[in-house]
Amino acid sequence: MMKMKTAKNAPYPVEVIKGQAYYWCTCGLSENQPFCDSSHQRTDMTPLEFIATETMTVYFCGCKQSANAPLCDGTHFSL
């Protein structure tokens, strides 16, 4: 199994819209971070669906190590 690649050592703030689905890149290879661009197809990983429960700014994990994926939990501070 491939290990996730750290895309950025900080979160990605994104304004999400209530009810909309977002597909968070789990592999770290996407050129469209923090979202999937199908780069994972050369791995055994798949994107993680996030459905916004309200319209607001959320912080998607950039290091790909969050225990609260797809959202940042501050893990990047310890890497």
PDB file of N, CA and C in Angstrom:
ATOM      1  N   MET A   1       0.834  -1.183   0.000  1.00  0.00           N
ATOM      2  CA  MET A   1       0.000   0.000   0.000  1.00  0.00           C
ATOM      3  C   MET A   1       0.879   1.248   0.000  1.00  0.00           C
ATOM      4  N   MET A   2       0.520   2.218  -0.806  1.00  0.00           N
ATOM      5  CA  MET A   2       1.271   3.465  -0.916  1.00  0.00           C
ATOM      6  C   MET A   2       1.004   4.369   0.284  1.00  0.00           C
ATOM      7  N   LYS A   3       2.037   5.027   0.759  1.00  0.00           N
ATOM      8  CA  LYS A   3       1.892   5.994   1.832  1.00  0.00           C
ATOM      9  C   LYS A   3       1.451   7.329   1.240  1.00  0.00           C
ATOM     10  N   MET A   4       0.601   8.037   1.954  1.00  0.00           N
ATOM     11  CA  MET A   4       0.140   9.343   1.491  1.00  0.00           C
ATOM     12  C   MET A   4       1.303  10.313   1.386  1.00  0.00           C
ATOM     13  N   LYS A   5       1.282  11.144   0.385  1.00  0.00           N
ATOM     14  CA  LYS A   5       2.293  12.173   0.190  1.00  0.00           C
ATOM     15  C   LYS A   5       1.782  13.459   0.825  1.00  0.00           C
ATOM     16  N   THR A   6       2.621  14.112   1.623  1.00  0.00           N
ATOM     17  CA  THR A   6       2.237  15.395   2.192  1.00  0.00           C
ATOM     18  C   THR A   6       2.184  16.417   1.069  1.00  0.00           C
ATOM     19  N   ALA A   7       1.019  17.029   0.892  1.00  0.00           N
ATOM     20  CA  ALA A   7       0.857  18.022  -0.160  1.00  0.00           C
ATOM     21  C   ALA A   7       1.292  19.397   0.316  1.00  0.00           C
ATOM     22  N   LYS A   8       1.026  19.687   1.593  1.00  0.00           N
ATOM     23  CA  LYS A   8       1.324  20.998   2.159  1.00  0.00           C
ATOM     24  C   LYS A   8       1.345  20.843   3.669  1.00  0.00           C
ATOM     25  N   ASN A   9       2.262  21.477   4.332  1.00  0.00           N
ATOM     26  CA  ASN A   9       2.377  21.350   5.779  1.00  0.00           C
ATOM     27  C   ASN A   9       1.530  22.403   6.490  1.00  0.00           C
ATOM     28  N   ALA A  10       0.310  22.551   6.008  1.00  0.00           N
ATOM     29  CA  ALA A  10      -0.655  23.500   6.559  1.00  0.00           C
ATOM     30  C   ALA A  10      -2.029  23.147   5.977  1.00  0.00           C
ATOM     31  N   PRO A  11      -3.101  23.609   6.613  1.00  0.00           N
ATOM     32  CA  PRO A  11      -4.427  23.325   6.068  1.00  0.00           C
ATOM     33  C   PRO A  11      -4.774  24.213   4.874  1.00  0.00           C
ATOM     34  N   TYR A  12      -5.782  23.796   4.143  1.00  0.00           N
ATOM     35  CA  TYR A  12      -6.335  24.560   3.029  1.00  0.00           C
ATOM     36  C   TYR A  12      -7.685  25.127   3.464  1.00  0.00           C
ATOM     37  N   PRO A  13      -7.801  26.428   3.670  1.00  0.00           N
ATOM     38  CA  PRO A  13      -9.111  26.992   3.996  1.00  0.00           C
ATOM     39  C   PRO A  13      -9.980  27.058   2.733  1.00  0.00           C
ATOM     40  N   VAL A  14     -11.184  26.516   2.833  1.00  0.00           N
ATOM     41  CA  VAL A  14     -12.083  26.469   1.682  1.00  0.00           C
ATOM     42  C   VAL A  14     -13.492  26.844   2.134  1.00  0.00           C
ATOM     43  N   GLU A  15     -14.114  27.740   1.407  1.00  0.00           N
ATOM     44  CA  GLU A  15     -15.522  28.072   1.640  1.00  0.00           C
ATOM     45  C   GLU A  15     -16.355  26.972   0.992  1.00  0.00           C
ATOM     46  N   VAL A  16     -17.072  26.199   1.810  1.00  0.00           N
ATOM     47  CA  VAL A  16     -17.911  25.119   1.298  1.00  0.00           C
ATOM     48  C   VAL A  16     -19.369  25.553   1.321  1.00  0.00           C
ATOM     49  N   ILE A  17     -20.173  24.927   0.498  1.00  0.00           N
ATOM     50  CA  ILE A  17     -21.588  25.262   0.366  1.00  0.00           C
ATOM     51  C   ILE A  17     -22.431  24.110   0.902  1.00  0.00           C
ATOM     52  N   LYS A  18     -23.369  24.434   1.772  1.00  0.00           N
ATOM     53  CA  LYS A  18     -24.227  23.426   2.403  1.00  0.00           C
ATOM     54  C   LYS A  18     -24.821  22.483   1.360  1.00  0.00           C
ATOM     55  N   GLY A  19     -24.691  21.177   1.635  1.00  0.00           N
ATOM     56  CA  GLY A  19     -25.241  20.145   0.768  1.00  0.00           C
ATOM     57  C   GLY A  19     -24.356  19.727  -0.385  1.00  0.00           C
ATOM     58  N   GLN A  20     -23.299  20.479  -0.655  1.00  0.00           N
ATOM     59  CA  GLN A  20     -22.410  20.143  -1.766  1.00  0.00           C
ATOM     60  C   GLN A  20     -21.387  19.099  -1.343  1.00  0.00           C
ATOM     61  N   ALA A  21     -21.074  18.181  -2.242  1.00  0.00           N
ATOM     62  CA  ALA A  21     -20.066  17.148  -1.986  1.00  0.00           C
ATOM     63  C   ALA A  21     -18.708  17.620  -2.498  1.00  0.00           C
ATOM     64  N   TYR A  22     -17.685  17.338  -1.714  1.00  0.00           N
ATOM     65  CA  TYR A  22     -16.293  17.653  -2.068  1.00  0.00           C
ATOM     66  C   TYR A  22     -15.501  16.360  -1.922  1.00  0.00           C
ATOM     67  N   TYR A  23     -14.540  16.153  -2.790  1.00  0.00           N
ATOM     68  CA  TYR A  23     -13.740  14.926  -2.763  1.00  0.00           C
ATOM     69  C   TYR A  23     -12.297  15.267  -2.442  1.00  0.00           C
ATOM     70  N   TRP A  24     -11.930  15.014  -1.187  1.00  0.00           N
ATOM     71  CA  TRP A  24     -10.613  15.335  -0.650  1.00  0.00           C
ATOM     72  C   TRP A  24      -9.591  14.321  -1.148  1.00  0.00           C
ATOM     73  N   CYS A  25      -8.483  14.823  -1.659  1.00  0.00           N
ATOM     74  CA  CYS A  25      -7.389  13.977  -2.130  1.00  0.00           C
ATOM     75  C   CYS A  25      -6.737  13.283  -0.941  1.00  0.00           C
ATOM     76  N   THR A  26      -6.701  11.961  -0.954  1.00  0.00           N
ATOM     77  CA  THR A  26      -6.061  11.208   0.125  1.00  0.00           C
ATOM     78  C   THR A  26      -4.616  10.850  -0.189  1.00  0.00           C
ATOM     79  N   CYS A  27      -4.262  10.817  -1.472  1.00  0.00           N
ATOM     80  CA  CYS A  27      -2.922  10.359  -1.857  1.00  0.00           C
ATOM     81  C   CYS A  27      -1.870  11.466  -1.829  1.00  0.00           C
ATOM     82  N   GLY A  28      -2.305  12.721  -1.935  1.00  0.00           N
ATOM     83  CA  GLY A  28      -1.368  13.843  -1.944  1.00  0.00           C
ATOM     84  C   GLY A  28      -0.776  14.150  -3.302  1.00  0.00           C
ATOM     85  N   LEU A  29      -1.189  13.439  -4.335  1.00  0.00           N
ATOM     86  CA  LEU A  29      -0.624  13.615  -5.667  1.00  0.00           C
ATOM     87  C   LEU A  29      -1.389  14.598  -6.549  1.00  0.00           C
ATOM     88  N   SER A  30      -2.597  14.960  -6.162  1.00  0.00           N
ATOM     89  CA  SER A  30      -3.438  15.833  -6.978  1.00  0.00           C
ATOM     90  C   SER A  30      -2.789  17.192  -7.215  1.00  0.00           C
ATOM     91  N   GLU A  31      -2.960  17.702  -8.418  1.00  0.00           N
ATOM     92  CA  GLU A  31      -2.505  19.056  -8.751  1.00  0.00           C
ATOM     93  C   GLU A  31      -3.577  20.076  -8.368  1.00  0.00           C
ATOM     94  N   ASN A  32      -4.716  19.602  -7.885  1.00  0.00           N
ATOM     95  CA  ASN A  32      -5.858  20.442  -7.525  1.00  0.00           C
ATOM     96  C   ASN A  32      -6.121  20.378  -6.018  1.00  0.00           C
ATOM     97  N   GLN A  33      -5.068  20.383  -5.211  1.00  0.00           N
ATOM     98  CA  GLN A  33      -5.199  20.252  -3.756  1.00  0.00           C
ATOM     99  C   GLN A  33      -6.124  21.315  -3.179  1.00  0.00           C
ATOM    100  N   PRO A  34      -6.911  20.981  -2.193  1.00  0.00           N
ATOM    101  CA  PRO A  34      -6.943  19.719  -1.466  1.00  0.00           C
ATOM    102  C   PRO A  34      -7.866  18.674  -2.090  1.00  0.00           C
ATOM    103  N   PHE A  35      -8.317  18.939  -3.314  1.00  0.00           N
ATOM    104  CA  PHE A  35      -9.298  18.070  -3.927  1.00  0.00           C
ATOM    105  C   PHE A  35      -8.700  17.100  -4.937  1.00  0.00           C
ATOM    106  N   CYS A  36      -9.435  16.047  -5.181  1.00  0.00           N
ATOM    107  CA  CYS A  36      -9.010  14.975  -6.080  1.00  0.00           C
ATOM    108  C   CYS A  36      -9.026  15.414  -7.546  1.00  0.00           C
ATOM    109  N   ASP A  37      -8.019  15.006  -8.297  1.00  0.00           N
ATOM    110  CA  ASP A  37      -7.992  15.200  -9.756  1.00  0.00           C
ATOM    111  C   ASP A  37      -7.766  13.859 -10.467  1.00  0.00           C
ATOM    112  N   SER A  38      -8.006  12.771  -9.764  1.00  0.00           N
ATOM    113  CA  SER A  38      -7.868  11.389 -10.252  1.00  0.00           C
ATOM    114  C   SER A  38      -6.432  10.900 -10.328  1.00  0.00           C
ATOM    115  N   SER A  39      -5.481  11.636  -9.751  1.00  0.00           N
ATOM    116  CA  SER A  39      -4.088  11.172  -9.716  1.00  0.00           C
ATOM    117  C   SER A  39      -3.941   9.875  -8.934  1.00  0.00           C
ATOM    118  N   HIS A  40      -4.876   9.603  -8.029  1.00  0.00           N
ATOM    119  CA  HIS A  40      -4.826   8.388  -7.211  1.00  0.00           C
ATOM    120  C   HIS A  40      -4.972   7.117  -8.043  1.00  0.00           C
ATOM    121  N   GLN A  41      -5.399   7.218  -9.285  1.00  0.00           N
ATOM    122  CA  GLN A  41      -5.643   6.032 -10.102  1.00  0.00           C
ATOM    123  C   GLN A  41      -4.389   5.194 -10.301  1.00  0.00           C
ATOM    124  N   ARG A  42      -3.229   5.781 -10.103  1.00  0.00           N
ATOM    125  CA  ARG A  42      -1.990   4.994 -10.199  1.00  0.00           C
ATOM    126  C   ARG A  42      -1.577   4.443  -8.826  1.00  0.00           C
ATOM    127  N   THR A  43      -2.475   4.561  -7.840  1.00  0.00           N
ATOM    128  CA  THR A  43      -2.246   4.038  -6.488  1.00  0.00           C
ATOM    129  C   THR A  43      -3.419   3.136  -6.109  1.00  0.00           C
ATOM    130  N   ASP A  44      -3.399   2.651  -4.872  1.00  0.00           N
ATOM    131  CA  ASP A  44      -4.535   1.873  -4.368  1.00  0.00           C
ATOM    132  C   ASP A  44      -5.417   2.732  -3.455  1.00  0.00           C
ATOM    133  N   MET A  45      -5.277   4.050  -3.540  1.00  0.00           N
ATOM    134  CA  MET A  45      -6.030   4.970  -2.696  1.00  0.00           C
ATOM    135  C   MET A  45      -7.232   5.525  -3.454  1.00  0.00           C
ATOM    136  N   THR A  46      -8.201   6.025  -2.702  1.00  0.00           N
ATOM    137  CA  THR A  46      -9.380   6.662  -3.279  1.00  0.00           C
ATOM    138  C   THR A  46      -9.663   7.957  -2.518  1.00  0.00           C
ATOM    139  N   PRO A  47     -10.339   8.917  -3.161  1.00  0.00           N
ATOM    140  CA  PRO A  47     -10.644  10.166  -2.472  1.00  0.00           C
ATOM    141  C   PRO A  47     -11.685   9.945  -1.372  1.00  0.00           C
ATOM    142  N   LEU A  48     -11.745  10.890  -0.453  1.00  0.00           N
ATOM    143  CA  LEU A  48     -12.693  10.836   0.651  1.00  0.00           C
ATOM    144  C   LEU A  48     -13.772  11.888   0.423  1.00  0.00           C
ATOM    145  N   GLU A  49     -15.022  11.448   0.412  1.00  0.00           N
ATOM    146  CA  GLU A  49     -16.137  12.371   0.201  1.00  0.00           C
ATOM    147  C   GLU A  49     -16.430  13.167   1.474  1.00  0.00           C
ATOM    148  N   PHE A  50     -16.628  14.454   1.303  1.00  0.00           N
ATOM    149  CA  PHE A  50     -17.023  15.358   2.386  1.00  0.00           C
ATOM    150  C   PHE A  50     -18.258  16.095   1.905  1.00  0.00           C
ATOM    151  N   ILE A  51     -19.349  15.992   2.670  1.00  0.00           N
ATOM    152  CA  ILE A  51     -20.570  16.719   2.331  1.00  0.00           C
ATOM    153  C   ILE A  51     -20.751  17.820   3.362  1.00  0.00           C
ATOM    154  N   ALA A  52     -20.806  19.044   2.882  1.00  0.00           N
ATOM    155  CA  ALA A  52     -20.910  20.200   3.760  1.00  0.00           C
ATOM    156  C   ALA A  52     -22.281  20.227   4.446  1.00  0.00           C
ATOM    157  N   THR A  53     -22.271  20.342   5.755  1.00  0.00           N
ATOM    158  CA  THR A  53     -23.519  20.406   6.516  1.00  0.00           C
ATOM    159  C   THR A  53     -24.032  21.831   6.655  1.00  0.00           C
ATOM    160  N   GLU A  54     -23.162  22.788   6.348  1.00  0.00           N
ATOM    161  CA  GLU A  54     -23.554  24.196   6.319  1.00  0.00           C
ATOM    162  C   GLU A  54     -22.571  24.958   5.440  1.00  0.00           C
ATOM    163  N   THR A  55     -22.964  26.158   5.025  1.00  0.00           N
ATOM    164  CA  THR A  55     -22.071  27.004   4.251  1.00  0.00           C
ATOM    165  C   THR A  55     -21.143  27.704   5.232  1.00  0.00           C
ATOM    166  N   MET A  56     -19.849  27.473   5.067  1.00  0.00           N
ATOM    167  CA  MET A  56     -18.862  28.012   5.991  1.00  0.00           C
ATOM    168  C   MET A  56     -17.457  27.750   5.472  1.00  0.00           C
ATOM    169  N   THR A  57     -16.459  28.286   6.151  1.00  0.00           N
ATOM    170  CA  THR A  57     -15.069  27.980   5.826  1.00  0.00           C
ATOM    171  C   THR A  57     -14.648  26.775   6.645  1.00  0.00           C
ATOM    172  N   VAL A  58     -14.105  25.769   5.964  1.00  0.00           N
ATOM    173  CA  VAL A  58     -13.531  24.610   6.642  1.00  0.00           C
ATOM    174  C   VAL A  58     -12.054  24.544   6.277  1.00  0.00           C
ATOM    175  N   TYR A  59     -11.296  23.818   7.063  1.00  0.00           N
ATOM    176  CA  TYR A  59      -9.854  23.709   6.857  1.00  0.00           C
ATOM    177  C   TYR A  59      -9.518  22.263   6.529  1.00  0.00           C
ATOM    178  N   PHE A  60      -9.340  22.004   5.218  1.00  0.00           N
ATOM    179  CA  PHE A  60      -8.989  20.664   4.770  1.00  0.00           C
ATOM    180  C   PHE A  60      -7.517  20.393   5.053  1.00  0.00           C
ATOM    181  N   CYS A  61      -7.231  19.193   5.526  1.00  0.00           N
ATOM    182  CA  CYS A  61      -5.874  18.780   5.862  1.00  0.00           C
ATOM    183  C   CYS A  61      -4.978  18.795   4.622  1.00  0.00           C
ATOM    184  N   GLY A  62      -3.801  19.384   4.771  1.00  0.00           N
ATOM    185  CA  GLY A  62      -2.825  19.409   3.683  1.00  0.00           C
ATOM    186  C   GLY A  62      -1.735  18.368   3.858  1.00  0.00           C
ATOM    187  N   CYS A  63      -1.488  17.958   5.101  1.00  0.00           N
ATOM    188  CA  CYS A  63      -0.408  16.996   5.356  1.00  0.00           C
ATOM    189  C   CYS A  63      -0.847  15.548   5.117  1.00  0.00           C
ATOM    190  N   LYS A  64      -2.156  15.342   5.035  1.00  0.00           N
ATOM    191  CA  LYS A  64      -2.752  14.025   4.766  1.00  0.00           C
ATOM    192  C   LYS A  64      -2.591  13.051   5.935  1.00  0.00           C
ATOM    193  N   GLN A  65      -2.273  13.562   7.132  1.00  0.00           N
ATOM    194  CA  GLN A  65      -2.058  12.699   8.293  1.00  0.00           C
ATOM    195  C   GLN A  65      -3.101  12.908   9.392  1.00  0.00           C
ATOM    196  N   SER A  66      -4.074  13.786   9.189  1.00  0.00           N
ATOM    197  CA  SER A  66      -5.067  14.119  10.208  1.00  0.00           C
ATOM    198  C   SER A  66      -5.871  12.900  10.651  1.00  0.00           C
ATOM    199  N   ALA A  67      -6.096  12.777  11.952  1.00  0.00           N
ATOM    200  CA  ALA A  67      -6.969  11.732  12.487  1.00  0.00           C
ATOM    201  C   ALA A  67      -8.432  12.127  12.283  1.00  0.00           C
ATOM    202  N   ASN A  68      -8.661  13.363  11.861  1.00  0.00           N
ATOM    203  CA  ASN A  68     -10.003  13.889  11.626  1.00  0.00           C
ATOM    204  C   ASN A  68     -10.228  14.154  10.134  1.00  0.00           C
ATOM    205  N   ALA A  69      -9.586  13.368   9.281  1.00  0.00           N
ATOM    206  CA  ALA A  69      -9.669  13.574   7.828  1.00  0.00           C
ATOM    207  C   ALA A  69     -11.122  13.606   7.370  1.00  0.00           C
ATOM    208  N   PRO A  70     -11.419  14.505   6.455  1.00  0.00           N
ATOM    209  CA  PRO A  70     -10.514  15.309   5.649  1.00  0.00           C
ATOM    210  C   PRO A  70     -10.136  16.650   6.270  1.00  0.00           C
ATOM    211  N   LEU A  71     -10.588  16.898   7.484  1.00  0.00           N
ATOM    212  CA  LEU A  71     -10.329  18.185   8.112  1.00  0.00           C
ATOM    213  C   LEU A  71      -9.043  18.166   8.910  1.00  0.00           C
ATOM    214  N   CYS A  72      -8.404  19.325   8.988  1.00  0.00           N
ATOM    215  CA  CYS A  72      -7.152  19.477   9.721  1.00  0.00           C
ATOM    216  C   CYS A  72      -7.383  19.323  11.219  1.00  0.00           C
ATOM    217  N   ASP A  73      -6.478  18.606  11.887  1.00  0.00           N
ATOM    218  CA  ASP A  73      -6.505  18.503  13.334  1.00  0.00           C
ATOM    219  C   ASP A  73      -5.205  18.988  13.965  1.00  0.00           C
ATOM    220  N   GLY A  74      -4.363  19.653  13.184  1.00  0.00           N
ATOM    221  CA  GLY A  74      -3.108  20.197  13.692  1.00  0.00           C
ATOM    222  C   GLY A  74      -1.937  19.234  13.649  1.00  0.00           C
ATOM    223  N   THR A  75      -2.116  18.044  13.110  1.00  0.00           N
ATOM    224  CA  THR A  75      -1.034  17.060  13.042  1.00  0.00           C
ATOM    225  C   THR A  75       0.198  17.616  12.345  1.00  0.00           C
ATOM    226  N   HIS A  76       0.010  18.506  11.372  1.00  0.00           N
ATOM    227  CA  HIS A  76       1.142  19.042  10.613  1.00  0.00           C
ATOM    228  C   HIS A  76       2.152  19.757  11.512  1.00  0.00           C
ATOM    229  N   PHE A  77       1.735  20.210  12.692  1.00  0.00           N
ATOM    230  CA  PHE A  77       2.664  20.873  13.612  1.00  0.00           C
ATOM    231  C   PHE A  77       3.704  19.893  14.167  1.00  0.00           C
ATOM    232  N   SER A  78       3.394  18.597  14.166  1.00  0.00           N
ATOM    233  CA  SER A  78       4.311  17.611  14.738  1.00  0.00           C
ATOM    234  C   SER A  78       5.116  16.857  13.680  1.00  0.00           C
ATOM    235  N   LEU A  79       4.967  17.232  12.424  1.00  0.00           N
ATOM    236  CA  LEU A  79       5.703  16.524  11.358  1.00  0.00           C
ATOM    237  C   LEU A  79       7.065  17.125  11.116  1.00  0.00           C
TER     238      LEU A  79
END
